[in-house]
Amino acid sequence: MASIQFTFSYSPGKLEEFIKKLQTVGAPEKISSEYPKSIGFGSSHARSFPAALKYAGLLDSSGQPTEVYKKGLRGGSQGRVLVGKAIMQAYRPMFDTYPDANNHSDSDLVTFVKSHSDFDEDKSRLVVRTFKVLCKFGDFTATGDDGQDDDGDDGDDSNPKGGAPRRRHRENSGGAVVINVNIALSVDATSDAAVYDAFFAAMAKHLKGLMDGSS
């Protein structure tokens, strides 16, 4: 089985305090292994904090804050969604196995880490504790709600380029497939109301026939 390069902190509790502190200070140009000491985290274990932030997508490979850091950590509820999405991406294999990984039992997650890495029991527990700390800063309830349909469009059935109308396929809670078809019809502009009356009367007749199965 392929090995996953997990990261962990020897002091997950202090990592949580560190991230909370980052929410109250200005975003630095770069967060190196020495940075935690400058804001009151002088323990040698704090030197590993930036690595955890890199793994979660809050810092890039050089230690510079990413958009997830800038807009996520202090972005209110929407910021928490950004952080949640970044964490889900960073721990994708874990979320693929346990979609509720952020709330899942530690014992299952430890078993997952052990089976996908070379870490022993103790380090696997630190991986999970570090993961759970990071998850405290994300919102995972809205990460799948991006306004897009399953086929990748934005949910708008209109077709601005013309042609056939789009069809949207969805499954309802009973498992049945529901197909919605939008049909656009046009009539030449006229001031004669009778033309419109006749148009809608004909439309009603044909729609009734479709519903009754007679046409």
C-alpha atoms as a PDB file:
ATOM      1  CA  MET A   1       0.000   0.000   0.000  1.00  0.00           C
ATOM      2  CA  ALA A   2       1.316   3.434  -0.929  1.00  0.00           C
ATOM      3  CA  SER A   3       2.787   5.439   1.922  1.00  0.00           C
ATOM      4  CA  ILE A   4       1.297   8.847   2.699  1.00  0.00           C
ATOM      5  CA  GLN A   5       3.608  11.553   4.019  1.00  0.00           C
ATOM      6  CA  PHE A   6       1.602  12.757   7.016  1.00  0.00           C
ATOM      7  CA  THR A   7       2.807  15.518   9.293  1.00  0.00           C
ATOM      8  CA  PHE A   8       2.390  15.980  13.030  1.00  0.00           C
ATOM      9  CA  SER A   9       3.282  18.178  15.953  1.00  0.00           C
ATOM     10  CA  TYR A  10       4.661  16.876  19.232  1.00  0.00           C
ATOM     11  CA  SER A  11       2.546  19.555  20.972  1.00  0.00           C
ATOM     12  CA  PRO A  12      -0.893  19.640  19.281  1.00  0.00           C
ATOM     13  CA  GLY A  13      -2.344  21.684  22.134  1.00  0.00           C
ATOM     14  CA  LYS A  14       0.283  24.384  21.701  1.00  0.00           C
ATOM     15  CA  LEU A  15      -0.256  24.258  17.940  1.00  0.00           C
ATOM     16  CA  GLU A  16      -3.892  25.186  18.557  1.00  0.00           C
ATOM     17  CA  GLU A  17      -2.807  28.119  20.728  1.00  0.00           C
ATOM     18  CA  PHE A  18      -0.347  29.175  18.036  1.00  0.00           C
ATOM     19  CA  ILE A  19      -2.998  29.227  15.309  1.00  0.00           C
ATOM     20  CA  LYS A  20      -5.331  31.210  17.558  1.00  0.00           C
ATOM     21  CA  LYS A  21      -2.510  33.702  18.089  1.00  0.00           C
ATOM     22  CA  LEU A  22      -2.059  33.991  14.314  1.00  0.00           C
ATOM     23  CA  GLN A  23      -5.684  35.114  14.110  1.00  0.00           C
ATOM     24  CA  THR A  24      -4.881  38.129  16.272  1.00  0.00           C
ATOM     25  CA  VAL A  25      -1.616  39.314  14.688  1.00  0.00           C
ATOM     26  CA  GLY A  26      -0.871  40.687  11.261  1.00  0.00           C
ATOM     27  CA  ALA A  27      -0.071  38.209   8.521  1.00  0.00           C
ATOM     28  CA  PRO A  28       3.724  38.015   8.231  1.00  0.00           C
ATOM     29  CA  GLU A  29       5.466  37.878   4.874  1.00  0.00           C
ATOM     30  CA  LYS A  30       6.852  34.479   5.788  1.00  0.00           C
ATOM     31  CA  ILE A  31       6.520  32.010   8.640  1.00  0.00           C
ATOM     32  CA  SER A  32       9.731  30.107   9.210  1.00  0.00           C
ATOM     33  CA  SER A  33      10.581  27.603  11.919  1.00  0.00           C
ATOM     34  CA  GLU A  34      11.873  30.551  13.959  1.00  0.00           C
ATOM     35  CA  TYR A  35       8.707  32.619  13.693  1.00  0.00           C
ATOM     36  CA  PRO A  36       6.730  30.963  16.541  1.00  0.00           C
ATOM     37  CA  LYS A  37       9.377  32.135  19.015  1.00  0.00           C
ATOM     38  CA  SER A  38       8.793  35.753  17.971  1.00  0.00           C
ATOM     39  CA  ILE A  39       5.174  35.625  19.145  1.00  0.00           C
ATOM     40  CA  GLY A  40       5.748  33.763  22.386  1.00  0.00           C
ATOM     41  CA  PHE A  41       6.181  30.108  21.441  1.00  0.00           C
ATOM     42  CA  GLY A  42       9.766  29.352  22.358  1.00  0.00           C
ATOM     43  CA  SER A  43       9.551  25.589  22.804  1.00  0.00           C
ATOM     44  CA  SER A  44      11.620  23.520  20.432  1.00  0.00           C
ATOM     45  CA  HIS A  45       8.416  21.681  19.469  1.00  0.00           C
ATOM     46  CA  ALA A  46       7.031  24.963  18.123  1.00  0.00           C
ATOM     47  CA  ARG A  47       9.565  24.841  15.311  1.00  0.00           C
ATOM     48  CA  SER A  48       7.381  22.189  13.665  1.00  0.00           C
ATOM     49  CA  PHE A  49       4.248  24.374  13.646  1.00  0.00           C
ATOM     50  CA  PRO A  50       4.941  25.930  10.212  1.00  0.00           C
ATOM     51  CA  ALA A  51       5.229  22.442   8.710  1.00  0.00           C
ATOM     52  CA  ALA A  52       1.700  21.641   9.895  1.00  0.00           C
ATOM     53  CA  LEU A  53       0.418  24.871   8.338  1.00  0.00           C
ATOM     54  CA  LYS A  54       2.141  24.038   5.059  1.00  0.00           C
ATOM     55  CA  TYR A  55       0.574  20.599   5.032  1.00  0.00           C
ATOM     56  CA  ALA A  56      -2.885  22.114   5.566  1.00  0.00           C
ATOM     57  CA  GLY A  57      -2.431  24.613   2.730  1.00  0.00           C
ATOM     58  CA  LEU A  58      -2.182  27.704   4.924  1.00  0.00           C
ATOM     59  CA  LEU A  59       1.427  28.308   3.887  1.00  0.00           C
ATOM     60  CA  ASP A  60       3.131  27.614   0.583  1.00  0.00           C
ATOM     61  CA  SER A  61       6.320  25.580   0.314  1.00  0.00           C
ATOM     62  CA  SER A  62       8.459  28.645   1.083  1.00  0.00           C
ATOM     63  CA  GLY A  63       6.465  29.551   4.205  1.00  0.00           C
ATOM     64  CA  GLN A  64       4.528  32.456   2.713  1.00  0.00           C
ATOM     65  CA  PRO A  65       0.860  32.750   3.773  1.00  0.00           C
ATOM     66  CA  THR A  66      -1.530  31.528   1.104  1.00  0.00           C
ATOM     67  CA  GLU A  67      -4.969  32.942   0.277  1.00  0.00           C
ATOM     68  CA  VAL A  68      -6.409  30.294   2.571  1.00  0.00           C
ATOM     69  CA  TYR A  69      -4.336  31.791   5.406  1.00  0.00           C
ATOM     70  CA  LYS A  70      -5.127  35.414   4.538  1.00  0.00           C
ATOM     71  CA  LYS A  71      -8.834  34.984   3.853  1.00  0.00           C
ATOM     72  CA  GLY A  72      -9.450  31.893   5.952  1.00  0.00           C
ATOM     73  CA  LEU A  73      -8.024  32.322   9.421  1.00  0.00           C
ATOM     74  CA  ARG A  74      -9.649  35.715   9.955  1.00  0.00           C
ATOM     75  CA  GLY A  75     -12.416  35.523   7.394  1.00  0.00           C
ATOM     76  CA  GLY A  76     -15.325  34.700   9.662  1.00  0.00           C
ATOM     77  CA  SER A  77     -17.711  31.928   8.648  1.00  0.00           C
ATOM     78  CA  GLN A  78     -16.714  32.091   4.984  1.00  0.00           C
ATOM     79  CA  GLY A  79     -13.077  31.904   5.985  1.00  0.00           C
ATOM     80  CA  ARG A  80     -13.736  28.736   7.946  1.00  0.00           C
ATOM     81  CA  VAL A  81     -15.199  27.198   4.801  1.00  0.00           C
ATOM     82  CA  LEU A  82     -11.984  27.990   2.905  1.00  0.00           C
ATOM     83  CA  VAL A  83      -9.888  26.387   5.624  1.00  0.00           C
ATOM     84  CA  GLY A  84     -12.165  23.356   5.666  1.00  0.00           C
ATOM     85  CA  LYS A  85     -11.786  22.856   1.934  1.00  0.00           C
ATOM     86  CA  ALA A  86      -8.000  23.179   2.156  1.00  0.00           C
ATOM     87  CA  ILE A  87      -7.836  20.586   4.931  1.00  0.00           C
ATOM     88  CA  MET A  88     -10.057  18.196   2.998  1.00  0.00           C
ATOM     89  CA  GLN A  89      -7.720  18.545   0.031  1.00  0.00           C
ATOM     90  CA  ALA A  90      -4.612  18.016   2.151  1.00  0.00           C
ATOM     91  CA  TYR A  91      -6.073  14.919   3.827  1.00  0.00           C
ATOM     92  CA  ARG A  92      -7.982  13.687   0.768  1.00  0.00           C
ATOM     93  CA  PRO A  93      -7.212   9.953   1.249  1.00  0.00           C
ATOM     94  CA  MET A  94      -8.478  10.140   4.818  1.00  0.00           C
ATOM     95  CA  PHE A  95     -11.695  11.907   3.793  1.00  0.00           C
ATOM     96  CA  ASP A  96     -12.163   9.471   0.926  1.00  0.00           C
ATOM     97  CA  THR A  97     -12.250   6.654   3.472  1.00  0.00           C
ATOM     98  CA  TYR A  98     -14.084   8.570   6.208  1.00  0.00           C
ATOM     99  CA  PRO A  99     -16.144  11.464   4.769  1.00  0.00           C
ATOM    100  CA  ASP A 100     -16.684  12.669   8.347  1.00  0.00           C
ATOM    101  CA  ALA A 101     -12.985  12.405   9.196  1.00  0.00           C
ATOM    102  CA  ASN A 102     -13.046  15.735  11.032  1.00  0.00           C
ATOM    103  CA  ASN A 103     -15.536  14.224  13.497  1.00  0.00           C
ATOM    104  CA  HIS A 104     -14.621  10.565  13.170  1.00  0.00           C
ATOM    105  CA  SER A 105     -13.276   8.437  16.015  1.00  0.00           C
ATOM    106  CA  ASP A 106      -9.595   8.832  16.748  1.00  0.00           C
ATOM    107  CA  SER A 107      -9.073   5.079  16.937  1.00  0.00           C
ATOM    108  CA  ASP A 108     -10.218   4.539  13.343  1.00  0.00           C
ATOM    109  CA  LEU A 109      -8.095   7.422  12.105  1.00  0.00           C
ATOM    110  CA  VAL A 110      -5.039   6.144  13.967  1.00  0.00           C
ATOM    111  CA  THR A 111      -5.516   2.756  12.324  1.00  0.00           C
ATOM    112  CA  PHE A 112      -5.802   4.488   8.943  1.00  0.00           C
ATOM    113  CA  VAL A 113      -2.582   6.452   9.479  1.00  0.00           C
ATOM    114  CA  LYS A 114      -0.675   3.375  10.644  1.00  0.00           C
ATOM    115  CA  SER A 115      -1.798   1.370   7.614  1.00  0.00           C
ATOM    116  CA  HIS A 116      -0.854   4.147   5.157  1.00  0.00           C
ATOM    117  CA  SER A 117       2.487   5.210   6.618  1.00  0.00           C
ATOM    118  CA  ASP A 118       5.566   3.985   8.431  1.00  0.00           C
ATOM    119  CA  PHE A 119       4.525   5.641  11.700  1.00  0.00           C
ATOM    120  CA  ASP A 120       4.147   3.644  14.878  1.00  0.00           C
ATOM    121  CA  GLU A 121       1.177   3.915  17.259  1.00  0.00           C
ATOM    122  CA  ASP A 122       2.471   6.969  19.127  1.00  0.00           C
ATOM    123  CA  LYS A 123       3.306   9.007  16.028  1.00  0.00           C
ATOM    124  CA  SER A 124       0.065   7.968  14.350  1.00  0.00           C
ATOM    125  CA  ARG A 125      -1.820   9.349  17.358  1.00  0.00           C
ATOM    126  CA  LEU A 126       0.091  12.613  17.046  1.00  0.00           C
ATOM    127  CA  VAL A 127      -0.855  12.779  13.364  1.00  0.00           C
ATOM    128  CA  VAL A 128      -4.526  12.403  14.281  1.00  0.00           C
ATOM    129  CA  ARG A 129      -4.336  14.904  17.143  1.00  0.00           C
ATOM    130  CA  THR A 130      -2.617  17.418  14.848  1.00  0.00           C
ATOM    131  CA  PHE A 131      -5.273  16.813  12.205  1.00  0.00           C
ATOM    132  CA  LYS A 132      -8.089  17.327  14.710  1.00  0.00           C
ATOM    133  CA  VAL A 133      -6.521  20.611  15.874  1.00  0.00           C
ATOM    134  CA  LEU A 134      -6.383  21.908  12.308  1.00  0.00           C
ATOM    135  CA  CYS A 135      -9.999  20.859  11.797  1.00  0.00           C
ATOM    136  CA  LYS A 136     -11.096  23.134  14.643  1.00  0.00           C
ATOM    137  CA  PHE A 137     -10.413  26.103  12.371  1.00  0.00           C
ATOM    138  CA  GLY A 138     -12.425  24.812   9.414  1.00  0.00           C
ATOM    139  CA  ASP A 139     -16.091  24.469   8.555  1.00  0.00           C
ATOM    140  CA  PHE A 140     -16.882  21.136   6.950  1.00  0.00           C
ATOM    141  CA  THR A 141     -20.665  21.505   6.771  1.00  0.00           C
ATOM    142  CA  ALA A 142     -20.626  23.665   3.651  1.00  0.00           C
ATOM    143  CA  THR A 143     -17.523  22.454   1.813  1.00  0.00           C
ATOM    144  CA  GLY A 144     -19.576  20.494  -0.735  1.00  0.00           C
ATOM    145  CA  ASP A 145     -22.035  23.310  -1.396  1.00  0.00           C
ATOM    146  CA  ASP A 146     -20.346  25.440  -4.053  1.00  0.00           C
ATOM    147  CA  GLY A 147     -23.429  26.195  -6.121  1.00  0.00           C
ATOM    148  CA  GLN A 148     -22.401  23.804  -8.878  1.00  0.00           C
ATOM    149  CA  ASP A 149     -24.223  20.857 -10.301  1.00  0.00           C
ATOM    150  CA  ASP A 150     -22.592  17.459 -10.489  1.00  0.00           C
ATOM    151  CA  ASP A 151     -21.628  18.111 -14.102  1.00  0.00           C
ATOM    152  CA  GLY A 152     -19.628  21.195 -13.105  1.00  0.00           C
ATOM    153  CA  ASP A 153     -21.939  24.012 -14.251  1.00  0.00           C
ATOM    154  CA  ASP A 154     -23.185  26.744 -11.958  1.00  0.00           C
ATOM    155  CA  GLY A 155     -26.744  25.499 -11.661  1.00  0.00           C
ATOM    156  CA  ASP A 156     -28.164  27.788 -14.365  1.00  0.00           C
ATOM    157  CA  ASP A 157     -30.232  25.868 -16.904  1.00  0.00           C
ATOM    158  CA  SER A 158     -30.231  28.709 -19.408  1.00  0.00           C
ATOM    159  CA  ASN A 159     -28.088  28.371 -22.501  1.00  0.00           C
ATOM    160  CA  PRO A 160     -26.805  31.832 -23.486  1.00  0.00           C
ATOM    161  CA  LYS A 161     -25.156  30.449 -26.623  1.00  0.00           C
ATOM    162  CA  GLY A 162     -28.396  29.053 -27.986  1.00  0.00           C
ATOM    163  CA  GLY A 163     -28.997  25.495 -29.109  1.00  0.00           C
ATOM    164  CA  ALA A 164     -30.690  22.747 -27.197  1.00  0.00           C
ATOM    165  CA  PRO A 165     -31.715  23.448 -23.608  1.00  0.00           C
ATOM    166  CA  ARG A 166     -29.637  21.957 -20.843  1.00  0.00           C
ATOM    167  CA  ARG A 167     -30.925  18.990 -18.960  1.00  0.00           C
ATOM    168  CA  ARG A 168     -30.235  18.480 -15.290  1.00  0.00           C
ATOM    169  CA  HIS A 169     -30.207  14.976 -13.892  1.00  0.00           C
ATOM    170  CA  ARG A 170     -30.556  14.454 -10.171  1.00  0.00           C
ATOM    171  CA  GLU A 171     -31.544  11.649  -7.879  1.00  0.00           C
ATOM    172  CA  ASN A 172     -34.171  12.321  -5.284  1.00  0.00           C
ATOM    173  CA  SER A 173     -34.139  10.764  -1.841  1.00  0.00           C
ATOM    174  CA  GLY A 174     -36.039   7.746  -3.142  1.00  0.00           C
ATOM    175  CA  GLY A 175     -33.404   6.970  -5.750  1.00  0.00           C
ATOM    176  CA  ALA A 176     -35.554   7.952  -8.752  1.00  0.00           C
ATOM    177  CA  VAL A 177     -33.982  10.036 -11.477  1.00  0.00           C
ATOM    178  CA  VAL A 178     -35.640  13.390 -12.095  1.00  0.00           C
ATOM    179  CA  ILE A 179     -35.036  15.111 -15.447  1.00  0.00           C
ATOM    180  CA  ASN A 180     -35.899  18.784 -15.852  1.00  0.00           C
ATOM    181  CA  VAL A 181     -36.083  20.159 -19.393  1.00  0.00           C
ATOM    182  CA  ASN A 182     -36.389  23.903 -20.071  1.00  0.00           C
ATOM    183  CA  ILE A 183     -37.942  24.816 -23.432  1.00  0.00           C
ATOM    184  CA  ALA A 184     -37.621  28.366 -24.760  1.00  0.00           C
ATOM    185  CA  LEU A 185     -40.222  29.536 -27.303  1.00  0.00           C
ATOM    186  CA  SER A 186     -40.497  32.919 -28.979  1.00  0.00           C
ATOM    187  CA  VAL A 187     -43.103  34.856 -30.896  1.00  0.00           C
ATOM    188  CA  ASP A 188     -42.675  37.974 -33.017  1.00  0.00           C
ATOM    189  CA  ALA A 189     -43.497  41.202 -31.222  1.00  0.00           C
ATOM    190  CA  THR A 190     -46.992  42.477 -32.014  1.00  0.00           C
ATOM    191  CA  SER A 191     -49.580  44.781 -30.524  1.00  0.00           C
ATOM    192  CA  ASP A 192     -52.389  42.365 -31.381  1.00  0.00           C
ATOM    193  CA  ALA A 193     -53.386  40.684 -28.109  1.00  0.00           C
ATOM    194  CA  ALA A 194     -55.220  37.971 -30.007  1.00  0.00           C
ATOM    195  CA  VAL A 195     -51.925  36.634 -31.311  1.00  0.00           C
ATOM    196  CA  TYR A 196     -50.666  36.095 -27.776  1.00  0.00           C
ATOM    197  CA  ASP A 197     -53.966  34.581 -26.672  1.00  0.00           C
ATOM    198  CA  ALA A 198     -53.816  32.071 -29.514  1.00  0.00           C
ATOM    199  CA  PHE A 199     -50.175  31.304 -28.785  1.00  0.00           C
ATOM    200  CA  PHE A 200     -50.760  30.497 -25.111  1.00  0.00           C
ATOM    201  CA  ALA A 201     -53.946  28.577 -25.865  1.00  0.00           C
ATOM    202  CA  ALA A 202     -52.055  26.347 -28.288  1.00  0.00           C
ATOM    203  CA  MET A 203     -49.243  25.876 -25.775  1.00  0.00           C
ATOM    204  CA  ALA A 204     -51.710  24.890 -23.041  1.00  0.00           C
ATOM    205  CA  LYS A 205     -53.362  22.393 -25.376  1.00  0.00           C
ATOM    206  CA  HIS A 206     -50.106  20.641 -26.240  1.00  0.00           C
ATOM    207  CA  LEU A 207     -48.830  20.608 -22.674  1.00  0.00           C
ATOM    208  CA  LYS A 208     -52.081  19.077 -21.495  1.00  0.00           C
ATOM    209  CA  GLY A 209     -51.721  16.450 -24.193  1.00  0.00           C
ATOM    210  CA  LEU A 210     -48.202  15.600 -23.015  1.00  0.00           C
ATOM    211  CA  MET A 211     -49.349  15.261 -19.418  1.00  0.00           C
ATOM    212  CA  ASP A 212     -52.308  13.056 -20.426  1.00  0.00           C
ATOM    213  CA  GLY A 213     -50.143  10.986 -22.756  1.00  0.00           C
ATOM    214  CA  SER A 214     -52.426  11.691 -25.697  1.00  0.00           C
ATOM    215  CA  SER A 215     -49.814  13.410 -27.872  1.00  0.00           C
END
